[in-house]
Amino acid sequence: MSIIAWIILGLLAGAIAKILLPGRDPGGFIGTTVIGIAGAFIGGWISARWLDHPITKDFYDGTTWAAAIGGSLVLLIAYRIMFGHSRD
């Protein structure tokens, strides 16, 4: 997949992660979007590096989507733990 496809996948993965983990985020919509994009990249990298599932060129690969959403969830949880009290 191209870098543009990974960014689109990250945007969608961030939105899905936000739906799965509702609540107020310290960064708002933009912060959640950036976390989704970074989570897609990190989830894809972890999937290819340690889980022995190479990145395919197919945008609709379920494992790639699961890795992107999982990476977004992990980053969103970590972000809330580190900066969650800044909007109280």
Protein backbone atom coordinates (compact mmCIF):
# COMPACT_ATOMS: atom_id res chain seq x y z
CA MET A 1 0.00 0.00 0.00
CA SER A 2 1.11 3.54 -0.59
CA ILE A 3 1.67 6.11 2.12
CA ILE A 4 -1.65 7.77 1.21
CA ALA A 5 -3.47 4.47 1.71
CA TRP A 6 -1.83 4.07 5.14
CA ILE A 7 -2.94 7.59 6.10
CA ILE A 8 -6.51 6.84 5.02
CA LEU A 9 -6.38 3.53 6.87
CA GLY A 10 -5.05 5.38 9.92
CA LEU A 11 -7.87 7.92 9.80
CA LEU A 12 -10.44 5.15 9.66
CA ALA A 13 -8.64 3.06 12.31
CA GLY A 14 -8.54 6.09 14.61
CA ALA A 15 -12.27 6.63 14.16
CA ILE A 16 -12.98 2.97 14.87
CA ALA A 17 -10.71 3.05 17.94
CA LYS A 18 -12.57 6.13 19.17
CA ILE A 19 -15.89 4.33 18.72
CA LEU A 20 -14.57 1.29 20.61
CA LEU A 21 -13.09 3.46 23.37
CA PRO A 22 -15.45 6.41 23.85
CA GLY A 23 -14.78 9.29 26.17
CA ARG A 24 -13.05 12.63 26.27
CA ASP A 25 -9.56 12.73 24.82
CA PRO A 26 -7.00 15.32 25.82
CA GLY A 27 -6.20 16.13 22.18
CA GLY A 28 -9.72 16.25 20.79
CA PHE A 29 -10.49 15.31 17.21
CA ILE A 30 -7.08 16.26 15.78
CA GLY A 31 -5.20 14.38 18.49
CA THR A 32 -7.31 11.28 17.97
CA THR A 33 -6.74 11.49 14.20
CA VAL A 34 -2.96 11.73 14.62
CA ILE A 35 -3.05 8.84 17.07
CA GLY A 36 -5.03 6.79 14.53
CA ILE A 37 -2.50 7.43 11.77
CA ALA A 38 0.46 6.67 14.05
CA GLY A 39 -1.32 3.57 15.36
CA ALA A 40 -1.86 2.28 11.83
CA PHE A 41 1.83 2.65 11.05
CA ILE A 42 2.94 1.09 14.33
CA GLY A 43 0.38 -1.73 14.17
CA GLY A 44 1.41 -2.54 10.60
CA TRP A 45 5.07 -2.48 11.52
CA ILE A 46 4.56 -4.75 14.54
CA SER A 47 2.44 -7.11 12.44
CA ALA A 48 5.13 -7.37 9.78
CA ARG A 49 8.08 -7.47 12.17
CA TRP A 50 7.02 -9.74 15.04
CA LEU A 51 3.76 -11.42 14.10
CA ASP A 52 5.09 -12.77 10.80
CA HIS A 53 2.29 -11.26 8.73
CA PRO A 54 3.80 -9.22 5.92
CA ILE A 55 2.04 -6.09 4.78
CA THR A 56 0.01 -6.85 1.70
CA LYS A 57 -0.73 -4.54 -1.16
CA ASP A 58 -4.44 -5.11 -0.62
CA PHE A 59 -6.23 -2.29 1.21
CA TYR A 60 -9.03 -4.63 2.31
CA ASP A 61 -6.88 -7.19 4.14
CA GLY A 62 -8.54 -7.97 7.47
CA THR A 63 -5.30 -8.60 9.34
CA THR A 64 -3.89 -5.25 8.25
CA TRP A 65 -7.06 -3.52 9.46
CA ALA A 66 -6.93 -5.41 12.78
CA ALA A 67 -3.28 -4.42 13.27
CA ALA A 68 -4.06 -0.77 12.48
CA ILE A 69 -7.04 -0.64 14.83
CA GLY A 70 -5.11 -2.47 17.54
CA GLY A 71 -2.20 -0.06 17.23
CA SER A 72 -4.61 2.88 17.42
CA LEU A 73 -6.28 1.48 20.53
CA VAL A 74 -2.95 0.93 22.27
CA LEU A 75 -1.77 4.45 21.47
CA LEU A 76 -5.10 5.96 22.49
CA ILE A 77 -5.02 4.16 25.84
CA ALA A 78 -1.40 5.19 26.43
CA TYR A 79 -2.22 8.79 25.49
CA ARG A 80 -5.15 8.86 27.91
CA ILE A 81 -3.00 7.43 30.71
CA MET A 82 -0.23 9.97 30.15
CA PHE A 83 -2.31 13.10 29.41
CA GLY A 84 -5.85 12.19 30.46
CA HIS A 85 -6.14 14.65 33.32
CA SER A 86 -5.18 17.72 31.31
CA ARG A 87 -8.80 18.48 30.26
CA ASP A 88 -10.44 18.10 33.67
